[in-house]
Amino acid sequence: MRARIASALEFVGGAAVVIAHNVFRVVPNEVPILAIAGLVSARVRDGAWSSFGFRRPASWRRTMATAIAAAALRMLLGDLVVEPLATRVWPPPIAPAEASDIPGHPLYALAALVIVWGFAAFGEEIGYRGYLLNRAADAGGRSTGAYWTAVAVTSILFGIGHWYKGPAGVIDSGIAGLILGTAYMLSGRNLWTSILAHGFIDSFAVIVTYLGFAT
């Protein structure tokens, strides 16, 4: 029970940081905070980062295939279903301010890819899927239901983590979080699956933006 309470407090603290930064702008960016807190927590409380799924997959081929499938589903669902429906009610999602510098500029595109893989793929996946999802599941007793509830709750937080995009963007990012969380679970909670899927999704966005195809 003490461990469950400690996990609940960690999750609530992490959620508070997400909201405090993205909605109220009263704390620094949550991604480095969550990633560092998660890595420290896994080492101190669980003894190893593998408790969050940071371990070598049993099959890299299966991991890659799952990541590609998750990335494709996220992009198709976002472009063909989520965004068209959301933009019937709200304005289109707001792109990151730096995106306007990418078209036709290879150095900006390369810098964006570095940020995509370092900050988004690794940082956000360690923070959201690795740390918050597992601590929420720990608080619920690590049952199957607790893990899937944690997937849903952290997906909502992931949407809030993209508050700057506006309501349509929050919903779109929340669905992305749900897909990434599901891929994480289906891979036996191996973090490499969601890291690769996240990296593929954002890399594709950088490439099409650089080529001038993004709207």
N, C-alpha and C. Protein backbone atom coordinates (compact mmCIF):
# COMPACT_ATOMS: atom_id res chain seq x y z
N MET A 1 0.82 -1.20 0.00
CA MET A 1 0.00 0.00 0.00
C MET A 1 0.86 1.26 0.00
N ARG A 2 1.97 1.22 0.74
CA ARG A 2 2.86 2.39 0.74
C ARG A 2 3.43 2.65 -0.65
N ALA A 3 3.78 1.57 -1.35
CA ALA A 3 4.31 1.72 -2.71
C ALA A 3 3.26 2.30 -3.64
N ARG A 4 2.01 1.86 -3.49
CA ARG A 4 0.93 2.37 -4.33
C ARG A 4 0.68 3.85 -4.05
N ILE A 5 0.73 4.23 -2.80
CA ILE A 5 0.54 5.64 -2.44
C ILE A 5 1.68 6.48 -3.00
N ALA A 6 2.92 5.98 -2.87
CA ALA A 6 4.07 6.70 -3.41
C ALA A 6 3.94 6.87 -4.92
N SER A 7 3.48 5.82 -5.61
CA SER A 7 3.30 5.90 -7.06
C SER A 7 2.22 6.90 -7.42
N ALA A 8 1.13 6.90 -6.65
CA ALA A 8 0.04 7.86 -6.90
C ALA A 8 0.54 9.29 -6.73
N LEU A 9 1.35 9.51 -5.70
CA LEU A 9 1.88 10.86 -5.47
C LEU A 9 2.82 11.28 -6.60
N GLU A 10 3.62 10.34 -7.09
CA GLU A 10 4.50 10.65 -8.22
C GLU A 10 3.68 11.00 -9.45
N PHE A 11 2.64 10.21 -9.71
CA PHE A 11 1.81 10.48 -10.88
C PHE A 11 1.12 11.83 -10.77
N VAL A 12 0.53 12.12 -9.62
CA VAL A 12 -0.15 13.40 -9.44
C VAL A 12 0.84 14.55 -9.58
N GLY A 13 2.05 14.39 -9.03
CA GLY A 13 3.06 15.43 -9.18
C GLY A 13 3.44 15.65 -10.62
N GLY A 14 3.61 14.54 -11.38
CA GLY A 14 3.94 14.66 -12.80
C GLY A 14 2.83 15.32 -13.59
N ALA A 15 1.59 14.92 -13.29
CA ALA A 15 0.44 15.52 -13.98
C ALA A 15 0.36 17.01 -13.69
N ALA A 16 0.64 17.38 -12.44
CA ALA A 16 0.61 18.80 -12.07
C ALA A 16 1.65 19.59 -12.85
N VAL A 17 2.83 19.00 -13.07
CA VAL A 17 3.88 19.67 -13.84
C VAL A 17 3.42 19.87 -15.29
N VAL A 18 2.79 18.84 -15.87
CA VAL A 18 2.28 18.94 -17.25
C VAL A 18 1.31 20.10 -17.37
N ILE A 19 0.35 20.17 -16.46
CA ILE A 19 -0.67 21.22 -16.52
C ILE A 19 -0.07 22.58 -16.20
N ALA A 20 0.81 22.62 -15.20
CA ALA A 20 1.40 23.90 -14.78
C ALA A 20 2.21 24.54 -15.90
N HIS A 21 2.92 23.70 -16.66
CA HIS A 21 3.71 24.28 -17.77
C HIS A 21 2.84 24.63 -18.96
N ASN A 22 2.06 23.67 -19.42
CA ASN A 22 1.36 23.84 -20.70
C ASN A 22 0.15 24.75 -20.62
N VAL A 23 -0.57 24.71 -19.53
CA VAL A 23 -1.78 25.53 -19.40
C VAL A 23 -1.48 26.88 -18.76
N PHE A 24 -0.72 26.86 -17.66
CA PHE A 24 -0.52 28.09 -16.88
C PHE A 24 0.85 28.73 -17.08
N ARG A 25 1.78 28.00 -17.67
CA ARG A 25 3.12 28.53 -17.96
C ARG A 25 3.82 29.04 -16.70
N VAL A 26 3.74 28.28 -15.64
CA VAL A 26 4.35 28.71 -14.38
C VAL A 26 5.55 27.85 -13.98
N VAL A 27 5.83 26.80 -14.75
CA VAL A 27 7.04 25.99 -14.51
C VAL A 27 7.71 25.74 -15.85
N PRO A 28 8.99 25.36 -15.85
CA PRO A 28 9.68 25.06 -17.12
C PRO A 28 9.04 23.87 -17.84
N ASN A 29 9.50 23.63 -19.06
CA ASN A 29 8.95 22.55 -19.88
C ASN A 29 8.95 21.24 -19.12
N GLU A 30 7.85 20.52 -19.23
CA GLU A 30 7.68 19.30 -18.43
C GLU A 30 8.50 18.12 -18.93
N VAL A 31 8.89 18.11 -20.21
CA VAL A 31 9.51 16.91 -20.76
C VAL A 31 10.83 16.56 -20.07
N PRO A 32 11.80 17.50 -19.94
CA PRO A 32 13.02 17.14 -19.23
C PRO A 32 12.76 16.78 -17.77
N ILE A 33 11.81 17.47 -17.15
CA ILE A 33 11.49 17.19 -15.74
C ILE A 33 10.98 15.77 -15.59
N LEU A 34 10.02 15.38 -16.43
CA LEU A 34 9.44 14.05 -16.33
C LEU A 34 10.46 12.97 -16.70
N ALA A 35 11.25 13.22 -17.73
CA ALA A 35 12.23 12.22 -18.17
C ALA A 35 13.27 11.96 -17.08
N ILE A 36 13.79 13.03 -16.50
CA ILE A 36 14.80 12.87 -15.45
C ILE A 36 14.18 12.25 -14.20
N ALA A 37 13.00 12.74 -13.82
CA ALA A 37 12.32 12.17 -12.65
C ALA A 37 12.02 10.69 -12.86
N GLY A 38 11.61 10.33 -14.07
CA GLY A 38 11.30 8.94 -14.36
C GLY A 38 12.52 8.04 -14.28
N LEU A 39 13.61 8.49 -14.88
CA LEU A 39 14.83 7.68 -14.85
C LEU A 39 15.35 7.51 -13.42
N VAL A 40 15.30 8.59 -12.64
CA VAL A 40 15.74 8.51 -11.24
C VAL A 40 14.80 7.60 -10.45
N SER A 41 13.50 7.77 -10.64
CA SER A 41 12.53 6.97 -9.91
C SER A 41 12.68 5.48 -10.22
N ALA A 42 12.85 5.14 -11.51
CA ALA A 42 13.01 3.74 -11.89
C ALA A 42 14.25 3.14 -11.26
N ARG A 43 15.33 3.91 -11.22
CA ARG A 43 16.57 3.41 -10.64
C ARG A 43 16.46 3.26 -9.12
N VAL A 44 15.89 4.27 -8.46
CA VAL A 44 15.84 4.25 -7.00
C VAL A 44 14.79 3.28 -6.47
N ARG A 45 13.58 3.33 -7.04
CA ARG A 45 12.48 2.53 -6.50
C ARG A 45 12.43 1.11 -7.06
N ASP A 46 12.79 0.96 -8.34
CA ASP A 46 12.66 -0.35 -8.98
C ASP A 46 14.00 -1.03 -9.22
N GLY A 47 15.07 -0.28 -9.11
CA GLY A 47 16.40 -0.88 -9.26
C GLY A 47 16.95 -0.89 -10.66
N ALA A 48 16.12 -0.58 -11.67
CA ALA A 48 16.60 -0.62 -13.05
C ALA A 48 15.63 0.12 -13.96
N TRP A 49 16.15 0.67 -15.05
CA TRP A 49 15.30 1.35 -16.03
C TRP A 49 14.42 0.37 -16.79
N SER A 50 14.77 -0.89 -16.76
CA SER A 50 13.97 -1.89 -17.46
C SER A 50 12.57 -2.00 -16.89
N SER A 51 12.34 -1.50 -15.67
CA SER A 51 11.01 -1.55 -15.08
C SER A 51 10.02 -0.71 -15.87
N PHE A 52 10.52 0.31 -16.58
CA PHE A 52 9.69 1.15 -17.43
C PHE A 52 9.66 0.66 -18.87
N GLY A 53 10.40 -0.42 -19.16
CA GLY A 53 10.44 -0.94 -20.52
C GLY A 53 11.66 -0.53 -21.30
N PHE A 54 12.63 0.10 -20.63
CA PHE A 54 13.85 0.50 -21.31
C PHE A 54 14.80 -0.70 -21.32
N ARG A 55 14.52 -1.64 -22.20
CA ARG A 55 15.31 -2.86 -22.29
C ARG A 55 15.34 -3.33 -23.74
N ARG A 56 16.29 -4.19 -24.03
CA ARG A 56 16.42 -4.70 -25.39
C ARG A 56 15.21 -5.56 -25.74
N PRO A 57 14.58 -5.31 -26.89
CA PRO A 57 13.41 -6.12 -27.28
C PRO A 57 13.80 -7.57 -27.55
N ALA A 58 12.86 -8.46 -27.37
CA ALA A 58 13.10 -9.86 -27.71
C ALA A 58 13.31 -10.01 -29.21
N SER A 59 12.64 -9.15 -30.00
CA SER A 59 12.79 -9.18 -31.46
C SER A 59 12.77 -7.75 -31.99
N TRP A 60 13.91 -7.28 -32.51
CA TRP A 60 13.94 -5.94 -33.08
C TRP A 60 13.04 -5.86 -34.31
N ARG A 61 12.94 -6.97 -35.06
CA ARG A 61 12.10 -6.97 -36.25
C ARG A 61 10.64 -6.73 -35.88
N ARG A 62 10.16 -7.44 -34.84
CA ARG A 62 8.78 -7.27 -34.40
C ARG A 62 8.57 -5.87 -33.83
N THR A 63 9.55 -5.39 -33.10
CA THR A 63 9.46 -4.04 -32.52
C THR A 63 9.36 -2.99 -33.61
N MET A 64 10.21 -3.13 -34.64
CA MET A 64 10.19 -2.18 -35.75
C MET A 64 8.86 -2.23 -36.49
N ALA A 65 8.35 -3.44 -36.72
CA ALA A 65 7.09 -3.59 -37.44
C ALA A 65 5.94 -2.97 -36.65
N THR A 66 5.92 -3.18 -35.35
CA THR A 66 4.88 -2.60 -34.51
C THR A 66 4.97 -1.08 -34.51
N ALA A 67 6.19 -0.56 -34.43
CA ALA A 67 6.39 0.90 -34.43
C ALA A 67 5.94 1.51 -35.75
N ILE A 68 6.27 0.87 -36.86
CA ILE A 68 5.86 1.38 -38.17
C ILE A 68 4.34 1.35 -38.30
N ALA A 69 3.72 0.26 -37.84
CA ALA A 69 2.26 0.16 -37.92
C ALA A 69 1.60 1.23 -37.06
N ALA A 70 2.13 1.46 -35.86
CA ALA A 70 1.57 2.49 -34.99
C ALA A 70 1.73 3.87 -35.59
N ALA A 71 2.89 4.13 -36.18
CA ALA A 71 3.14 5.43 -36.81
C ALA A 71 2.19 5.65 -37.98
N ALA A 72 2.02 4.61 -38.81
CA ALA A 72 1.13 4.73 -39.97
C ALA A 72 -0.31 4.96 -39.52
N LEU A 73 -0.75 4.22 -38.50
CA LEU A 73 -2.11 4.39 -37.99
C LEU A 73 -2.32 5.79 -37.45
N ARG A 74 -1.34 6.30 -36.70
CA ARG A 74 -1.47 7.64 -36.13
C ARG A 74 -1.59 8.70 -37.22
N MET A 75 -0.75 8.59 -38.26
CA MET A 75 -0.76 9.60 -39.32
C MET A 75 -2.03 9.52 -40.15
N LEU A 76 -2.45 8.31 -40.50
CA LEU A 76 -3.66 8.16 -41.30
C LEU A 76 -4.90 8.58 -40.52
N LEU A 77 -4.99 8.14 -39.27
CA LEU A 77 -6.14 8.48 -38.45
C LEU A 77 -6.19 9.98 -38.19
N GLY A 78 -5.02 10.58 -37.94
CA GLY A 78 -4.98 12.02 -37.70
C GLY A 78 -5.39 12.83 -38.91
N ASP A 79 -4.84 12.47 -40.07
CA ASP A 79 -5.09 13.24 -41.29
C ASP A 79 -6.49 13.01 -41.86
N LEU A 80 -6.98 11.78 -41.75
CA LEU A 80 -8.24 11.43 -42.42
C LEU A 80 -9.47 11.47 -41.52
N VAL A 81 -9.27 11.37 -40.21
CA VAL A 81 -10.43 11.29 -39.31
C VAL A 81 -10.40 12.36 -38.22
N VAL A 82 -9.38 12.32 -37.38
CA VAL A 82 -9.37 13.16 -36.18
C VAL A 82 -9.35 14.65 -36.53
N GLU A 83 -8.37 15.05 -37.32
CA GLU A 83 -8.26 16.47 -37.63
C GLU A 83 -9.46 17.00 -38.43
N PRO A 84 -9.94 16.29 -39.47
CA PRO A 84 -11.12 16.79 -40.18
C PRO A 84 -12.34 16.96 -39.28
N LEU A 85 -12.55 16.02 -38.36
CA LEU A 85 -13.70 16.13 -37.46
C LEU A 85 -13.50 17.25 -36.44
N ALA A 86 -12.29 17.34 -35.89
CA ALA A 86 -12.03 18.36 -34.86
C ALA A 86 -12.11 19.76 -35.44
N THR A 87 -11.66 19.93 -36.69
CA THR A 87 -11.66 21.27 -37.28
C THR A 87 -13.04 21.72 -37.74
N ARG A 88 -14.03 20.84 -37.63
CA ARG A 88 -15.41 21.28 -37.85
C ARG A 88 -15.91 22.14 -36.69
N VAL A 89 -15.26 21.96 -35.55
CA VAL A 89 -15.67 22.68 -34.34
C VAL A 89 -14.68 23.78 -33.98
N TRP A 90 -13.38 23.48 -34.12
CA TRP A 90 -12.33 24.42 -33.73
C TRP A 90 -11.43 24.75 -34.91
N PRO A 91 -10.60 25.78 -34.77
CA PRO A 91 -9.61 26.08 -35.81
C PRO A 91 -8.61 24.94 -35.95
N PRO A 92 -7.93 24.84 -37.09
CA PRO A 92 -6.92 23.78 -37.28
C PRO A 92 -5.83 23.86 -36.21
N PRO A 93 -5.18 22.73 -35.91
CA PRO A 93 -4.08 22.74 -34.93
C PRO A 93 -2.99 23.72 -35.33
N ILE A 94 -2.41 24.35 -34.33
CA ILE A 94 -1.34 25.32 -34.55
C ILE A 94 -0.01 24.57 -34.59
N ALA A 95 0.76 24.76 -35.63
CA ALA A 95 2.07 24.11 -35.76
C ALA A 95 3.08 24.78 -34.84
N PRO A 96 4.12 24.08 -34.43
CA PRO A 96 5.19 24.72 -33.65
C PRO A 96 5.75 25.92 -34.39
N ALA A 97 6.13 26.94 -33.65
CA ALA A 97 6.61 28.17 -34.27
C ALA A 97 7.82 27.92 -35.16
N GLU A 98 8.67 26.97 -34.78
CA GLU A 98 9.90 26.70 -35.53
C GLU A 98 9.63 26.05 -36.88
N ALA A 99 8.42 25.52 -37.08
CA ALA A 99 8.12 24.80 -38.32
C ALA A 99 8.23 25.71 -39.54
N SER A 100 7.97 26.98 -39.36
CA SER A 100 8.02 27.91 -40.50
C SER A 100 9.43 28.10 -41.03
N ASP A 101 10.46 27.73 -40.24
CA ASP A 101 11.84 27.89 -40.68
C ASP A 101 12.35 26.68 -41.48
N ILE A 102 11.59 25.60 -41.48
CA ILE A 102 12.09 24.34 -42.05
C ILE A 102 12.02 24.26 -43.57
N PRO A 103 10.92 24.70 -44.23
CA PRO A 103 10.80 24.48 -45.68
C PRO A 103 11.98 25.02 -46.48
N GLY A 104 12.64 24.12 -47.23
CA GLY A 104 13.73 24.52 -48.10
C GLY A 104 15.04 24.81 -47.40
N HIS A 105 15.13 24.60 -46.09
CA HIS A 105 16.35 24.89 -45.34
C HIS A 105 16.87 23.60 -44.69
N PRO A 106 17.84 22.93 -45.31
CA PRO A 106 18.30 21.62 -44.81
C PRO A 106 18.87 21.66 -43.40
N LEU A 107 19.56 22.74 -43.02
CA LEU A 107 20.13 22.80 -41.68
C LEU A 107 19.04 22.89 -40.62
N TYR A 108 18.00 23.66 -40.90
CA TYR A 108 16.88 23.74 -39.96
C TYR A 108 16.16 22.40 -39.87
N ALA A 109 16.02 21.73 -41.01
CA ALA A 109 15.37 20.42 -41.02
C ALA A 109 16.19 19.40 -40.23
N LEU A 110 17.51 19.45 -40.40
CA LEU A 110 18.37 18.53 -39.65
C LEU A 110 18.29 18.80 -38.16
N ALA A 111 18.30 20.09 -37.78
CA ALA A 111 18.16 20.43 -36.37
C ALA A 111 16.83 19.96 -35.82
N ALA A 112 15.79 20.09 -36.64
CA ALA A 112 14.46 19.64 -36.21
C ALA A 112 14.45 18.12 -35.99
N LEU A 113 15.14 17.37 -36.84
CA LEU A 113 15.19 15.92 -36.67
C LEU A 113 15.92 15.53 -35.39
N VAL A 114 16.97 16.28 -35.06
CA VAL A 114 17.69 16.02 -33.81
C VAL A 114 16.77 16.26 -32.62
N ILE A 115 16.01 17.35 -32.68
CA ILE A 115 15.08 17.66 -31.59
C ILE A 115 13.98 16.62 -31.52
N VAL A 116 13.49 16.21 -32.69
CA VAL A 116 12.43 15.20 -32.75
C VAL A 116 12.84 13.92 -32.03
N TRP A 117 14.04 13.45 -32.31
CA TRP A 117 14.47 12.18 -31.72
C TRP A 117 14.93 12.35 -30.27
N GLY A 118 15.59 13.44 -29.97
CA GLY A 118 16.07 13.62 -28.60
C GLY A 118 15.00 14.06 -27.63
N PHE A 119 14.28 15.12 -27.98
CA PHE A 119 13.29 15.71 -27.08
C PHE A 119 11.97 14.97 -27.12
N ALA A 120 11.46 14.72 -28.32
CA ALA A 120 10.12 14.13 -28.45
C ALA A 120 10.15 12.61 -28.30
N ALA A 121 10.89 11.93 -29.19
CA ALA A 121 10.86 10.46 -29.18
C ALA A 121 11.38 9.89 -27.86
N PHE A 122 12.56 10.32 -27.46
CA PHE A 122 13.11 9.79 -26.21
C PHE A 122 12.52 10.50 -24.99
N GLY A 123 12.56 11.83 -24.99
CA GLY A 123 12.12 12.57 -23.81
C GLY A 123 10.66 12.36 -23.46
N GLU A 124 9.78 12.53 -24.44
CA GLU A 124 8.34 12.39 -24.16
C GLU A 124 7.96 10.95 -23.87
N GLU A 125 8.58 10.00 -24.55
CA GLU A 125 8.21 8.61 -24.29
C GLU A 125 8.71 8.13 -22.93
N ILE A 126 9.88 8.54 -22.53
CA ILE A 126 10.34 8.20 -21.18
C ILE A 126 9.42 8.85 -20.16
N GLY A 127 9.07 10.13 -20.38
CA GLY A 127 8.26 10.86 -19.42
C GLY A 127 6.82 10.39 -19.34
N TYR A 128 6.19 10.23 -20.49
CA TYR A 128 4.76 9.90 -20.50
C TYR A 128 4.50 8.39 -20.45
N ARG A 129 5.01 7.64 -21.42
CA ARG A 129 4.75 6.20 -21.44
C ARG A 129 5.59 5.48 -20.38
N GLY A 130 6.86 5.81 -20.26
CA GLY A 130 7.69 5.11 -19.30
C GLY A 130 7.34 5.45 -17.86
N TYR A 131 7.31 6.74 -17.54
CA TYR A 131 7.16 7.17 -16.15
C TYR A 131 5.70 7.28 -15.72
N LEU A 132 4.95 8.20 -16.31
CA LEU A 132 3.60 8.46 -15.83
C LEU A 132 2.68 7.26 -16.00
N LEU A 133 2.75 6.59 -17.14
CA LEU A 133 1.87 5.44 -17.36
C LEU A 133 2.13 4.36 -16.31
N ASN A 134 3.40 4.06 -16.06
CA ASN A 134 3.71 2.99 -15.12
C ASN A 134 3.40 3.36 -13.69
N ARG A 135 3.63 4.62 -13.32
CA ARG A 135 3.31 5.01 -11.95
C ARG A 135 1.80 5.04 -11.74
N ALA A 136 1.04 5.42 -12.76
CA ALA A 136 -0.42 5.37 -12.64
C ALA A 136 -0.88 3.93 -12.49
N ALA A 137 -0.28 3.01 -13.28
CA ALA A 137 -0.63 1.59 -13.17
C ALA A 137 -0.21 1.02 -11.82
N ASP A 138 0.94 1.44 -11.32
CA ASP A 138 1.38 1.00 -9.99
C ASP A 138 0.37 1.40 -8.93
N ALA A 139 -0.12 2.63 -9.03
CA ALA A 139 -1.10 3.12 -8.06
C ALA A 139 -2.38 2.29 -8.11
N GLY A 140 -2.69 1.74 -9.28
CA GLY A 140 -3.89 0.93 -9.43
C GLY A 140 -3.68 -0.54 -9.17
N GLY A 141 -2.49 -0.91 -8.73
CA GLY A 141 -2.23 -2.30 -8.38
C GLY A 141 -1.66 -3.14 -9.49
N ARG A 142 -1.28 -2.51 -10.61
CA ARG A 142 -0.64 -3.20 -11.74
C ARG A 142 -1.52 -4.28 -12.37
N SER A 143 -2.80 -4.17 -12.24
CA SER A 143 -3.71 -5.10 -12.91
C SER A 143 -3.80 -4.72 -14.39
N THR A 144 -4.36 -5.61 -15.19
CA THR A 144 -4.54 -5.30 -16.62
C THR A 144 -5.40 -4.05 -16.78
N GLY A 145 -6.48 -3.98 -16.00
CA GLY A 145 -7.34 -2.79 -16.05
C GLY A 145 -6.61 -1.53 -15.65
N ALA A 146 -5.74 -1.64 -14.64
CA ALA A 146 -4.98 -0.47 -14.19
C ALA A 146 -4.05 0.03 -15.28
N TYR A 147 -3.43 -0.89 -16.00
CA TYR A 147 -2.52 -0.47 -17.08
C TYR A 147 -3.28 0.22 -18.22
N TRP A 148 -4.42 -0.33 -18.62
CA TRP A 148 -5.16 0.28 -19.72
C TRP A 148 -5.82 1.59 -19.29
N THR A 149 -6.21 1.69 -18.03
CA THR A 149 -6.70 2.98 -17.52
C THR A 149 -5.57 4.00 -17.54
N ALA A 150 -4.37 3.55 -17.18
CA ALA A 150 -3.20 4.44 -17.21
C ALA A 150 -2.89 4.91 -18.63
N VAL A 151 -3.08 4.02 -19.62
CA VAL A 151 -2.89 4.42 -21.02
C VAL A 151 -3.84 5.57 -21.36
N ALA A 152 -5.10 5.44 -20.97
CA ALA A 152 -6.10 6.47 -21.28
C ALA A 152 -5.78 7.79 -20.57
N VAL A 153 -5.44 7.70 -19.29
CA VAL A 153 -5.20 8.93 -18.51
C VAL A 153 -3.95 9.66 -19.00
N THR A 154 -2.88 8.90 -19.28
CA THR A 154 -1.67 9.55 -19.76
C THR A 154 -1.85 10.10 -21.17
N SER A 155 -2.76 9.52 -21.94
CA SER A 155 -3.06 10.07 -23.27
C SER A 155 -3.73 11.43 -23.15
N ILE A 156 -4.59 11.58 -22.17
CA ILE A 156 -5.21 12.89 -21.92
C ILE A 156 -4.13 13.90 -21.54
N LEU A 157 -3.22 13.49 -20.66
CA LEU A 157 -2.13 14.39 -20.27
C LEU A 157 -1.23 14.71 -21.46
N PHE A 158 -1.02 13.73 -22.33
CA PHE A 158 -0.20 13.96 -23.52
C PHE A 158 -0.87 14.99 -24.42
N GLY A 159 -2.19 14.93 -24.52
CA GLY A 159 -2.91 15.96 -25.27
C GLY A 159 -2.72 17.32 -24.65
N ILE A 160 -2.84 17.41 -23.32
CA ILE A 160 -2.63 18.68 -22.62
C ILE A 160 -1.20 19.16 -22.81
N GLY A 161 -0.28 18.21 -22.95
CA GLY A 161 1.12 18.56 -23.20
C GLY A 161 1.33 19.27 -24.52
N HIS A 162 0.31 19.28 -25.37
CA HIS A 162 0.37 20.00 -26.65
C HIS A 162 -0.70 21.10 -26.69
N TRP A 163 -0.90 21.72 -25.56
CA TRP A 163 -1.91 22.76 -25.38
C TRP A 163 -1.75 23.91 -26.37
N TYR A 164 -0.51 24.21 -26.73
CA TYR A 164 -0.24 25.33 -27.63
C TYR A 164 -0.89 25.13 -29.00
N LYS A 165 -1.23 23.89 -29.36
CA LYS A 165 -1.83 23.62 -30.66
C LYS A 165 -3.30 24.02 -30.75
N GLY A 166 -3.91 24.34 -29.61
CA GLY A 166 -5.33 24.65 -29.60
C GLY A 166 -6.16 23.40 -29.37
N PRO A 167 -7.49 23.55 -29.21
CA PRO A 167 -8.36 22.40 -28.89
C PRO A 167 -8.25 21.25 -29.88
N ALA A 168 -8.24 21.54 -31.18
CA ALA A 168 -8.14 20.47 -32.17
C ALA A 168 -6.80 19.75 -32.05
N GLY A 169 -5.76 20.49 -31.78
CA GLY A 169 -4.44 19.89 -31.61
C GLY A 169 -4.33 19.06 -30.35
N VAL A 170 -4.99 19.50 -29.28
CA VAL A 170 -4.98 18.72 -28.03
C VAL A 170 -5.66 17.37 -28.26
N ILE A 171 -6.79 17.38 -28.95
CA ILE A 171 -7.49 16.12 -29.23
C ILE A 171 -6.64 15.22 -30.13
N ASP A 172 -6.06 15.80 -31.18
CA ASP A 172 -5.23 15.04 -32.10
C ASP A 172 -4.04 14.42 -31.37
N SER A 173 -3.39 15.19 -30.50
CA SER A 173 -2.24 14.68 -29.75
C SER A 173 -2.68 13.64 -28.72
N GLY A 174 -3.87 13.83 -28.15
CA GLY A 174 -4.38 12.84 -27.22
C GLY A 174 -4.60 11.49 -27.89
N ILE A 175 -5.13 11.52 -29.12
CA ILE A 175 -5.30 10.27 -29.89
C ILE A 175 -3.94 9.67 -30.21
N ALA A 176 -2.96 10.53 -30.54
CA ALA A 176 -1.61 10.03 -30.79
C ALA A 176 -1.06 9.35 -29.54
N GLY A 177 -1.30 9.94 -28.37
CA GLY A 177 -0.85 9.33 -27.13
C GLY A 177 -1.51 7.99 -26.89
N LEU A 178 -2.77 7.87 -27.26
CA LEU A 178 -3.49 6.61 -27.10
C LEU A 178 -2.89 5.52 -27.99
N ILE A 179 -2.54 5.89 -29.21
CA ILE A 179 -1.93 4.93 -30.14
C ILE A 179 -0.53 4.52 -29.65
N LEU A 180 0.25 5.49 -29.21
CA LEU A 180 1.59 5.19 -28.71
C LEU A 180 1.52 4.33 -27.45
N GLY A 181 0.58 4.65 -26.57
CA GLY A 181 0.41 3.86 -25.36
C GLY A 181 -0.02 2.43 -25.66
N THR A 182 -0.91 2.29 -26.64
CA THR A 182 -1.36 0.95 -27.04
C THR A 182 -0.21 0.14 -27.65
N ALA A 183 0.61 0.78 -28.48
CA ALA A 183 1.77 0.10 -29.05
C ALA A 183 2.73 -0.33 -27.95
N TYR A 184 2.90 0.52 -26.96
CA TYR A 184 3.75 0.20 -25.82
C TYR A 184 3.24 -1.03 -25.09
N MET A 185 1.94 -1.08 -24.85
CA MET A 185 1.35 -2.21 -24.15
C MET A 185 1.42 -3.49 -24.97
N LEU A 186 1.09 -3.40 -26.25
CA LEU A 186 1.08 -4.59 -27.10
C LEU A 186 2.46 -5.17 -27.32
N SER A 187 3.49 -4.38 -27.11
CA SER A 187 4.87 -4.87 -27.26
C SER A 187 5.41 -5.44 -25.95
N GLY A 188 4.53 -5.65 -24.99
CA GLY A 188 4.99 -6.13 -23.69
C GLY A 188 5.61 -5.04 -22.86
N ARG A 189 5.11 -3.81 -23.05
CA ARG A 189 5.61 -2.63 -22.35
C ARG A 189 7.12 -2.44 -22.60
N ASN A 190 7.49 -2.52 -23.87
CA ASN A 190 8.86 -2.23 -24.26
C ASN A 190 8.91 -0.81 -24.81
N LEU A 191 9.69 0.04 -24.18
CA LEU A 191 9.69 1.47 -24.50
C LEU A 191 10.25 1.77 -25.88
N TRP A 192 11.08 0.86 -26.41
CA TRP A 192 11.64 1.11 -27.74
C TRP A 192 10.55 1.18 -28.81
N THR A 193 9.45 0.47 -28.60
CA THR A 193 8.37 0.50 -29.60
C THR A 193 7.78 1.88 -29.73
N SER A 194 7.43 2.50 -28.60
CA SER A 194 6.82 3.83 -28.67
C SER A 194 7.85 4.91 -29.02
N ILE A 195 9.12 4.71 -28.62
CA ILE A 195 10.16 5.66 -29.00
C ILE A 195 10.31 5.68 -30.51
N LEU A 196 10.42 4.51 -31.12
CA LEU A 196 10.59 4.44 -32.58
C LEU A 196 9.35 4.97 -33.29
N ALA A 197 8.16 4.57 -32.84
CA ALA A 197 6.93 5.06 -33.48
C ALA A 197 6.86 6.58 -33.41
N HIS A 198 7.14 7.14 -32.25
CA HIS A 198 7.09 8.59 -32.07
C HIS A 198 8.11 9.27 -33.00
N GLY A 199 9.31 8.71 -33.05
CA GLY A 199 10.34 9.28 -33.93
C GLY A 199 9.95 9.23 -35.38
N PHE A 200 9.35 8.12 -35.82
CA PHE A 200 8.92 8.00 -37.22
C PHE A 200 7.84 9.03 -37.55
N ILE A 201 6.88 9.18 -36.65
CA ILE A 201 5.78 10.13 -36.88
C ILE A 201 6.31 11.54 -37.06
N ASP A 202 7.14 11.98 -36.13
CA ASP A 202 7.62 13.36 -36.17
C ASP A 202 8.65 13.56 -37.27
N SER A 203 9.44 12.54 -37.58
CA SER A 203 10.40 12.66 -38.69
C SER A 203 9.66 12.84 -40.01
N PHE A 204 8.58 12.10 -40.20
CA PHE A 204 7.78 12.25 -41.41
C PHE A 204 7.24 13.68 -41.51
N ALA A 205 6.79 14.22 -40.37
CA ALA A 205 6.27 15.59 -40.37
C ALA A 205 7.35 16.59 -40.76
N VAL A 206 8.56 16.38 -40.26
CA VAL A 206 9.68 17.28 -40.61
C VAL A 206 9.99 17.18 -42.09
N ILE A 207 10.02 15.97 -42.63
CA ILE A 207 10.37 15.77 -44.04
C ILE A 207 9.36 16.42 -44.98
N VAL A 208 8.06 16.19 -44.70
CA VAL A 208 7.05 16.78 -45.59
C VAL A 208 7.02 18.31 -45.44
N THR A 209 7.35 18.80 -44.27
CA THR A 209 7.43 20.25 -44.08
C THR A 209 8.61 20.82 -44.86
N TYR A 210 9.75 20.14 -44.78
CA TYR A 210 10.93 20.58 -45.53
C TYR A 210 10.68 20.60 -47.03
N LEU A 211 9.95 19.60 -47.51
CA LEU A 211 9.66 19.51 -48.95
C LEU A 211 8.53 20.45 -49.39
N GLY A 212 7.90 21.10 -48.42
CA GLY A 212 6.84 22.05 -48.75
C GLY A 212 5.48 21.44 -48.94
N PHE A 213 5.29 20.19 -48.48
CA PHE A 213 4.01 19.52 -48.67
C PHE A 213 3.06 19.74 -47.50
N ALA A 214 3.58 20.20 -46.38
CA ALA A 214 2.72 20.39 -45.19
C ALA A 214 1.84 21.59 -45.42
N THR A 215 0.61 21.50 -44.88
CA THR A 215 -0.33 22.61 -45.03
C THR A 215 -0.40 23.37 -43.73
